[in-house]
Amino acid sequence: MSTLTRGQLLAREQLQAIAAGAGGALTVSSVADAPDAMGWLTITVRLDMEGVPDFVELQSGGPPPEITKW
C-alpha cells in the first residue's frame, strides 16, 4: 500500500505528464519514495534554462531558483 495521499499521487502524475510534453524543457529528476516526517513529498525537477538571461526577475516573491549551468 502506498504511503502517498491521493493528492500527492495526482500531483506526481500531473507533473510527470507536464514533463513528458515539455520537449526536454522540464524533466523530473527524482521523486521521493515516501513523504518526509512532515508529510511533504519531495520531487526534484530540472528546467532547461538555455537562452534565458542570467538575470531572472521573480514575480512571486519566493526564494530565487538555484540555477546550475553546464
PDB file of N, CA and C in Angstrom:
ATOM      1  N   MET A   1       0.835  -1.180   0.000  1.00  0.00           N
ATOM      2  CA  MET A   1       0.000   0.000   0.000  1.00  0.00           C
ATOM      3  C   MET A   1       0.885   1.252   0.000  1.00  0.00           C
ATOM      4  N   SER A   2       0.509   2.220  -0.811  1.00  0.00           N
ATOM      5  CA  SER A   2       1.276   3.445  -0.936  1.00  0.00           C
ATOM      6  C   SER A   2       1.088   4.336   0.291  1.00  0.00           C
ATOM      7  N   THR A   3       2.158   5.024   0.680  1.00  0.00           N
ATOM      8  CA  THR A   3       2.057   5.972   1.787  1.00  0.00           C
ATOM      9  C   THR A   3       1.737   7.370   1.268  1.00  0.00           C
ATOM     10  N   LEU A   4       1.587   7.511  -0.042  1.00  0.00           N
ATOM     11  CA  LEU A   4       1.264   8.809  -0.614  1.00  0.00           C
ATOM     12  C   LEU A   4      -0.236   9.059  -0.541  1.00  0.00           C
ATOM     13  N   THR A   5      -0.606  10.311  -0.328  1.00  0.00           N
ATOM     14  CA  THR A   5      -2.020  10.668  -0.336  1.00  0.00           C
ATOM     15  C   THR A   5      -2.521  10.706  -1.780  1.00  0.00           C
ATOM     16  N   ARG A   6      -3.828  10.738  -1.944  1.00  0.00           N
ATOM     17  CA  ARG A   6      -4.394  10.842  -3.298  1.00  0.00           C
ATOM     18  C   ARG A   6      -3.928  12.123  -3.972  1.00  0.00           C
ATOM     19  N   GLY A   7      -3.850  13.203  -3.207  1.00  0.00           N
ATOM     20  CA  GLY A   7      -3.383  14.472  -3.756  1.00  0.00           C
ATOM     21  C   GLY A   7      -1.935  14.424  -4.209  1.00  0.00           C
ATOM     22  N   GLN A   8      -1.089  13.753  -3.411  1.00  0.00           N
ATOM     23  CA  GLN A   8       0.323  13.618  -3.786  1.00  0.00           C
ATOM     24  C   GLN A   8       0.468  12.754  -5.038  1.00  0.00           C
ATOM     25  N   LEU A   9      -0.306  11.683  -5.106  1.00  0.00           N
ATOM     26  CA  LEU A   9      -0.267  10.829  -6.293  1.00  0.00           C
ATOM     27  C   LEU A   9      -0.689  11.612  -7.531  1.00  0.00           C
ATOM     28  N   LEU A  10      -1.758  12.387  -7.407  1.00  0.00           N
ATOM     29  CA  LEU A  10      -2.246  13.179  -8.533  1.00  0.00           C
ATOM     30  C   LEU A  10      -1.218  14.231  -8.934  1.00  0.00           C
ATOM     31  N   ALA A  11      -0.644  14.915  -7.965  1.00  0.00           N
ATOM     32  CA  ALA A  11       0.368  15.936  -8.262  1.00  0.00           C
ATOM     33  C   ALA A  11       1.566  15.323  -8.978  1.00  0.00           C
ATOM     34  N   ARG A  12       2.015  14.159  -8.508  1.00  0.00           N
ATOM     35  CA  ARG A  12       3.147  13.478  -9.146  1.00  0.00           C
ATOM     36  C   ARG A  12       2.812  13.114 -10.585  1.00  0.00           C
ATOM     37  N   GLU A  13       1.636  12.547 -10.800  1.00  0.00           N
ATOM     38  CA  GLU A  13       1.219  12.161 -12.150  1.00  0.00           C
ATOM     39  C   GLU A  13       1.109  13.374 -13.069  1.00  0.00           C
ATOM     40  N   GLN A  14       0.531  14.466 -12.565  1.00  0.00           N
ATOM     41  CA  GLN A  14       0.382  15.662 -13.386  1.00  0.00           C
ATOM     42  C   GLN A  14       1.730  16.285 -13.724  1.00  0.00           C
ATOM     43  N   LEU A  15       2.644  16.321 -12.772  1.00  0.00           N
ATOM     44  CA  LEU A  15       3.967  16.872 -13.035  1.00  0.00           C
ATOM     45  C   LEU A  15       4.717  16.024 -14.055  1.00  0.00           C
ATOM     46  N   GLN A  16       4.600  14.709 -13.947  1.00  0.00           N
ATOM     47  CA  GLN A  16       5.252  13.829 -14.914  1.00  0.00           C
ATOM     48  C   GLN A  16       4.628  13.979 -16.303  1.00  0.00           C
ATOM     49  N   ALA A  17       3.317  14.226 -16.370  1.00  0.00           N
ATOM     50  CA  ALA A  17       2.664  14.447 -17.662  1.00  0.00           C
ATOM     51  C   ALA A  17       3.133  15.762 -18.289  1.00  0.00           C
ATOM     52  N   ILE A  18       3.285  16.798 -17.471  1.00  0.00           N
ATOM     53  CA  ILE A  18       3.798  18.075 -17.977  1.00  0.00           C
ATOM     54  C   ILE A  18       5.202  17.876 -18.522  1.00  0.00           C
ATOM     55  N   ALA A  19       6.049  17.177 -17.763  1.00  0.00           N
ATOM     56  CA  ALA A  19       7.426  16.932 -18.195  1.00  0.00           C
ATOM     57  C   ALA A  19       7.450  16.134 -19.501  1.00  0.00           C
ATOM     58  N   ALA A  20       6.558  15.157 -19.638  1.00  0.00           N
ATOM     59  CA  ALA A  20       6.521  14.330 -20.846  1.00  0.00           C
ATOM     60  C   ALA A  20       6.195  15.161 -22.085  1.00  0.00           C
ATOM     61  N   GLY A  21       5.416  16.212 -21.914  1.00  0.00           N
ATOM     62  CA  GLY A  21       5.050  17.047 -23.050  1.00  0.00           C
ATOM     63  C   GLY A  21       5.888  18.298 -23.205  1.00  0.00           C
ATOM     64  N   ALA A  22       6.917  18.452 -22.396  1.00  0.00           N
ATOM     65  CA  ALA A  22       7.701  19.684 -22.390  1.00  0.00           C
ATOM     66  C   ALA A  22       8.890  19.665 -23.338  1.00  0.00           C
ATOM     67  N   GLY A  23       9.067  18.589 -24.057  1.00  0.00           N
ATOM     68  CA  GLY A  23      10.158  18.532 -25.025  1.00  0.00           C
ATOM     69  C   GLY A  23      11.538  18.710 -24.425  1.00  0.00           C
ATOM     70  N   GLY A  24      11.718  18.284 -23.187  1.00  0.00           N
ATOM     71  CA  GLY A  24      13.021  18.382 -22.533  1.00  0.00           C
ATOM     72  C   GLY A  24      13.232  19.674 -21.768  1.00  0.00           C
ATOM     73  N   ALA A  25      12.310  20.631 -21.880  1.00  0.00           N
ATOM     74  CA  ALA A  25      12.460  21.891 -21.159  1.00  0.00           C
ATOM     75  C   ALA A  25      12.297  21.691 -19.657  1.00  0.00           C
ATOM     76  N   LEU A  26      11.529  20.679 -19.261  1.00  0.00           N
ATOM     77  CA  LEU A  26      11.339  20.343 -17.858  1.00  0.00           C
ATOM     78  C   LEU A  26      11.467  18.836 -17.722  1.00  0.00           C
ATOM     79  N   THR A  27      12.295  18.391 -16.805  1.00  0.00           N
ATOM     80  CA  THR A  27      12.415  16.959 -16.540  1.00  0.00           C
ATOM     81  C   THR A  27      12.277  16.708 -15.051  1.00  0.00           C
ATOM     82  N   VAL A  28      11.678  15.575 -14.708  1.00  0.00           N
ATOM     83  CA  VAL A  28      11.571  15.162 -13.316  1.00  0.00           C
ATOM     84  C   VAL A  28      12.829  14.360 -13.009  1.00  0.00           C
ATOM     85  N   SER A  29      13.674  14.885 -12.118  1.00  0.00           N
ATOM     86  CA  SER A  29      14.945  14.248 -11.796  1.00  0.00           C
ATOM     87  C   SER A  29      14.795  13.140 -10.772  1.00  0.00           C
ATOM     88  N   SER A  30      13.962  13.384  -9.760  1.00  0.00           N
ATOM     89  CA  SER A  30      13.772  12.375  -8.728  1.00  0.00           C
ATOM     90  C   SER A  30      12.444  12.605  -8.018  1.00  0.00           C
ATOM     91  N   VAL A  31      11.895  11.515  -7.512  1.00  0.00           N
ATOM     92  CA  VAL A  31      10.673  11.550  -6.720  1.00  0.00           C
ATOM     93  C   VAL A  31      10.930  10.701  -5.484  1.00  0.00           C
ATOM     94  N   ALA A  32      10.710  11.266  -4.316  1.00  0.00           N
ATOM     95  CA  ALA A  32      10.895  10.513  -3.082  1.00  0.00           C
ATOM     96  C   ALA A  32       9.920   9.331  -3.054  1.00  0.00           C
ATOM     97  N   ASP A  33      10.350   8.245  -2.451  1.00  0.00           N
ATOM     98  CA  ASP A  33       9.503   7.061  -2.346  1.00  0.00           C
ATOM     99  C   ASP A  33       8.329   7.276  -1.397  1.00  0.00           C
ATOM    100  N   ALA A  34       8.534   8.152  -0.424  1.00  0.00           N
ATOM    101  CA  ALA A  34       7.503   8.392   0.583  1.00  0.00           C
ATOM    102  C   ALA A  34       7.641   9.820   1.097  1.00  0.00           C
ATOM    103  N   PRO A  35       6.581  10.375   1.645  1.00  0.00           N
ATOM    104  CA  PRO A  35       6.667  11.708   2.237  1.00  0.00           C
ATOM    105  C   PRO A  35       7.629  11.718   3.429  1.00  0.00           C
ATOM    106  N   ASP A  36       8.145  12.905   3.743  1.00  0.00           N
ATOM    107  CA  ASP A  36       9.023  13.030   4.905  1.00  0.00           C
ATOM    108  C   ASP A  36       8.189  13.035   6.186  1.00  0.00           C
ATOM    109  N   ALA A  37       8.828  13.249   7.310  1.00  0.00           N
ATOM    110  CA  ALA A  37       8.147  13.203   8.600  1.00  0.00           C
ATOM    111  C   ALA A  37       7.047  14.257   8.730  1.00  0.00           C
ATOM    112  N   MET A  38       7.161  15.336   7.968  1.00  0.00           N
ATOM    113  CA  MET A  38       6.151  16.393   7.999  1.00  0.00           C
ATOM    114  C   MET A  38       5.039  16.168   6.975  1.00  0.00           C
ATOM    115  N   GLY A  39       5.170  15.108   6.172  1.00  0.00           N
ATOM    116  CA  GLY A  39       4.149  14.805   5.173  1.00  0.00           C
ATOM    117  C   GLY A  39       4.404  15.390   3.799  1.00  0.00           C
ATOM    118  N   TRP A  40       5.570  16.018   3.609  1.00  0.00           N
ATOM    119  CA  TRP A  40       5.901  16.617   2.322  1.00  0.00           C
ATOM    120  C   TRP A  40       6.512  15.582   1.387  1.00  0.00           C
ATOM    121  N   LEU A  41       6.066  15.561   0.147  1.00  0.00           N
ATOM    122  CA  LEU A  41       6.647  14.697  -0.874  1.00  0.00           C
ATOM    123  C   LEU A  41       7.624  15.529  -1.689  1.00  0.00           C
ATOM    124  N   THR A  42       8.877  15.119  -1.712  1.00  0.00           N
ATOM    125  CA  THR A  42       9.898  15.871  -2.438  1.00  0.00           C
ATOM    126  C   THR A  42      10.015  15.355  -3.861  1.00  0.00           C
ATOM    127  N   ILE A  43       9.854  16.265  -4.814  1.00  0.00           N
ATOM    128  CA  ILE A  43      10.033  15.970  -6.230  1.00  0.00           C
ATOM    129  C   ILE A  43      11.030  16.995  -6.757  1.00  0.00           C
ATOM    130  N   THR A  44      12.105  16.517  -7.349  1.00  0.00           N
ATOM    131  CA  THR A  44      13.139  17.391  -7.891  1.00  0.00           C
ATOM    132  C   THR A  44      12.959  17.475  -9.399  1.00  0.00           C
ATOM    133  N   VAL A  45      12.918  18.707  -9.911  1.00  0.00           N
ATOM    134  CA  VAL A  45      12.779  18.911 -11.352  1.00  0.00           C
ATOM    135  C   VAL A  45      13.951  19.725 -11.864  1.00  0.00           C
ATOM    136  N   ARG A  46      14.198  19.591 -13.146  1.00  0.00           N
ATOM    137  CA  ARG A  46      15.226  20.393 -13.808  1.00  0.00           C
ATOM    138  C   ARG A  46      14.556  21.172 -14.934  1.00  0.00           C
ATOM    139  N   LEU A  47      14.922  22.440 -15.037  1.00  0.00           N
ATOM    140  CA  LEU A  47      14.434  23.293 -16.106  1.00  0.00           C
ATOM    141  C   LEU A  47      15.585  23.606 -17.043  1.00  0.00           C
ATOM    142  N   ASP A  48      15.365  23.452 -18.333  1.00  0.00           N
ATOM    143  CA  ASP A  48      16.373  23.824 -19.315  1.00  0.00           C
ATOM    144  C   ASP A  48      16.332  25.344 -19.450  1.00  0.00           C
ATOM    145  N   MET A  49      17.362  25.989 -18.989  1.00  0.00           N
ATOM    146  CA  MET A  49      17.407  27.449 -18.968  1.00  0.00           C
ATOM    147  C   MET A  49      18.195  28.018 -20.148  1.00  0.00           C
ATOM    148  N   GLU A  50      18.433  27.207 -21.154  1.00  0.00           N
ATOM    149  CA  GLU A  50      19.174  27.659 -22.337  1.00  0.00           C
ATOM    150  C   GLU A  50      18.467  28.863 -22.948  1.00  0.00           C
ATOM    151  N   GLY A  51      19.203  29.910 -23.166  1.00  0.00           N
ATOM    152  CA  GLY A  51      18.646  31.099 -23.789  1.00  0.00           C
ATOM    153  C   GLY A  51      17.975  32.060 -22.823  1.00  0.00           C
ATOM    154  N   VAL A  52      17.882  31.701 -21.556  1.00  0.00           N
ATOM    155  CA  VAL A  52      17.283  32.588 -20.565  1.00  0.00           C
ATOM    156  C   VAL A  52      18.378  33.520 -20.053  1.00  0.00           C
ATOM    157  N   PRO A  53      18.096  34.807 -19.972  1.00  0.00           N
ATOM    158  CA  PRO A  53      19.125  35.730 -19.461  1.00  0.00           C
ATOM    159  C   PRO A  53      19.573  35.329 -18.056  1.00  0.00           C
ATOM    160  N   ASP A  54      20.815  35.706 -17.713  1.00  0.00           N
ATOM    161  CA  ASP A  54      21.347  35.375 -16.396  1.00  0.00           C
ATOM    162  C   ASP A  54      20.509  35.975 -15.278  1.00  0.00           C
ATOM    163  N   PHE A  55      19.894  37.118 -15.534  1.00  0.00           N
ATOM    164  CA  PHE A  55      19.056  37.759 -14.524  1.00  0.00           C
ATOM    165  C   PHE A  55      17.602  37.359 -14.776  1.00  0.00           C
ATOM    166  N   VAL A  56      17.000  36.742 -13.793  1.00  0.00           N
ATOM    167  CA  VAL A  56      15.596  36.344 -13.902  1.00  0.00           C
ATOM    168  C   VAL A  56      14.840  37.042 -12.778  1.00  0.00           C
ATOM    169  N   GLU A  57      13.891  37.881 -13.132  1.00  0.00           N
ATOM    170  CA  GLU A  57      13.105  38.596 -12.131  1.00  0.00           C
ATOM    171  C   GLU A  57      11.963  37.707 -11.678  1.00  0.00           C
ATOM    172  N   LEU A  58      11.863  37.506 -10.375  1.00  0.00           N
ATOM    173  CA  LEU A  58      10.801  36.680  -9.823  1.00  0.00           C
ATOM    174  C   LEU A  58       9.599  37.539  -9.470  1.00  0.00           C
ATOM    175  N   GLN A  59       8.429  37.112  -9.869  1.00  0.00           N
ATOM    176  CA  GLN A  59       7.209  37.830  -9.575  1.00  0.00           C
ATOM    177  C   GLN A  59       6.559  37.332  -8.290  1.00  0.00           C
ATOM    178  N   SER A  60       6.860  36.113  -7.877  1.00  0.00           N
ATOM    179  CA  SER A  60       6.165  35.503  -6.753  1.00  0.00           C
ATOM    180  C   SER A  60       6.648  35.995  -5.396  1.00  0.00           C
ATOM    181  N   GLY A  61       7.829  36.559  -5.344  1.00  0.00           N
ATOM    182  CA  GLY A  61       8.383  36.978  -4.069  1.00  0.00           C
ATOM    183  C   GLY A  61       9.013  35.829  -3.302  1.00  0.00           C
ATOM    184  N   GLY A  62       9.070  34.653  -3.910  1.00  0.00           N
ATOM    185  CA  GLY A  62       9.658  33.481  -3.270  1.00  0.00           C
ATOM    186  C   GLY A  62      11.162  33.483  -3.386  1.00  0.00           C
ATOM    187  N   PRO A  63      11.784  32.411  -2.912  1.00  0.00           N
ATOM    188  CA  PRO A  63      13.243  32.330  -2.988  1.00  0.00           C
ATOM    189  C   PRO A  63      13.686  32.192  -4.444  1.00  0.00           C
ATOM    190  N   PRO A  64      14.864  32.698  -4.767  1.00  0.00           N
ATOM    191  CA  PRO A  64      15.341  32.588  -6.151  1.00  0.00           C
ATOM    192  C   PRO A  64      15.629  31.131  -6.500  1.00  0.00           C
ATOM    193  N   PRO A  65      15.461  30.768  -7.768  1.00  0.00           N
ATOM    194  CA  PRO A  65      15.772  29.397  -8.164  1.00  0.00           C
ATOM    195  C   PRO A  65      17.266  29.148  -8.109  1.00  0.00           C
ATOM    196  N   GLU A  66      17.632  27.919  -7.855  1.00  0.00           N
ATOM    197  CA  GLU A  66      19.027  27.523  -7.906  1.00  0.00           C
ATOM    198  C   GLU A  66      19.340  27.206  -9.363  1.00  0.00           C
ATOM    199  N   ILE A  67      20.157  28.037  -9.986  1.00  0.00           N
ATOM    200  CA  ILE A  67      20.443  27.880 -11.415  1.00  0.00           C
ATOM    201  C   ILE A  67      21.827  27.274 -11.559  1.00  0.00           C
ATOM    202  N   THR A  68      21.871  26.125 -12.218  1.00  0.00           N
ATOM    203  CA  THR A  68      23.123  25.440 -12.493  1.00  0.00           C
ATOM    204  C   THR A  68      23.310  25.426 -13.998  1.00  0.00           C
ATOM    205  N   LYS A  69      24.429  25.900 -14.473  1.00  0.00           N
ATOM    206  CA  LYS A  69      24.711  25.882 -15.903  1.00  0.00           C
ATOM    207  C   LYS A  69      25.778  24.837 -16.167  1.00  0.00           C
ATOM    208  N   TRP A  70      25.550  24.028 -17.190  1.00  0.00           N
ATOM    209  CA  TRP A  70      26.524  23.010 -17.549  1.00  0.00           C
ATOM    210  C   TRP A  70      27.311  23.450 -18.723  1.00  0.00           C
TER     211      TRP A  70
END
